[in-house]
Protein backbone atom coordinates (compact mmCIF):
# COMPACT_ATOMS: atom_id res chain seq x y z
CA UNK A 1 0.00 0.00 0.00
CA UNK A 2 1.34 3.45 -0.84
CA UNK A 3 2.09 5.96 1.90
CA UNK A 4 -0.58 8.34 0.59
CA UNK A 5 -3.19 5.60 0.82
CA UNK A 6 -2.30 4.92 4.45
CA UNK A 7 -2.53 8.62 5.32
CA UNK A 8 -5.97 8.76 3.72
CA UNK A 9 -7.10 5.75 5.75
CA UNK A 10 -5.85 7.28 9.01
CA UNK A 11 -7.60 10.58 8.20
CA UNK A 12 -10.84 8.75 7.38
CA UNK A 13 -10.94 7.35 10.91
CA UNK A 14 -9.89 10.64 12.51
CA UNK A 15 -6.21 10.04 13.22
CA UNK A 16 -2.91 11.49 12.05
CA UNK A 17 0.47 9.77 12.09
CA UNK A 18 3.07 11.33 14.39
CA UNK A 19 5.93 8.85 14.05
CA UNK A 20 7.00 5.32 13.29
CA UNK A 21 7.63 2.52 15.72
CA UNK A 22 11.04 0.86 15.64
CA UNK A 23 10.88 -2.14 13.31
CA UNK A 24 12.10 -5.61 14.11
CA UNK A 25 15.57 -6.28 12.67
CA UNK A 26 15.36 -6.84 8.92
CA UNK A 27 11.86 -5.32 8.57
CA UNK A 28 10.66 -1.99 7.26
CA UNK A 29 8.90 0.34 9.72
CA UNK A 30 5.28 -0.18 8.75
CA UNK A 31 3.43 0.52 11.99
CA UNK A 32 2.86 4.18 12.73
CA UNK A 33 2.19 5.93 16.01
CA UNK A 34 -1.05 7.91 15.61
CA UNK A 35 -3.06 10.47 17.59
CA UNK A 36 -6.57 11.87 17.14
CA UNK A 37 -6.94 14.72 14.66
CA UNK A 38 -7.79 18.22 15.81
CA UNK A 39 -8.08 19.55 19.36
CA UNK A 40 -8.16 16.11 20.96
CA UNK A 41 -4.79 15.30 19.40
CA UNK A 42 -3.27 18.60 20.45
CA UNK A 43 -4.46 18.07 24.05
CA UNK A 44 -2.99 14.58 24.04
CA UNK A 45 0.31 16.01 22.82
CA UNK A 46 0.23 18.68 25.55
CA UNK A 47 0.06 21.62 23.14
CA UNK A 48 -3.41 22.74 24.12
CA UNK A 49 -4.82 22.79 27.61
CA UNK A 50 -8.34 21.84 28.55
CA UNK A 51 -10.36 24.71 30.06
CA UNK A 52 -10.64 24.69 33.84
CA UNK A 53 -13.90 23.21 35.11
CA UNK A 54 -16.47 25.83 36.11
CA UNK A 55 -18.10 25.55 39.53
CA UNK A 56 -21.83 26.00 39.81
CA UNK A 57 -22.82 29.06 41.87
């Protein structure tokens, strides 16, 4: 499968690749580390903070 095809599949399910796992000796790195697209992915990566919970008055 071409790399562009894999990126399209990840995007279809709402994920983006962020890196590759180390392959076993003699194998190509084919498994990617992924995170959710959008704000959820940025929060998981620590680049965007969740708003503080609001207390009811």
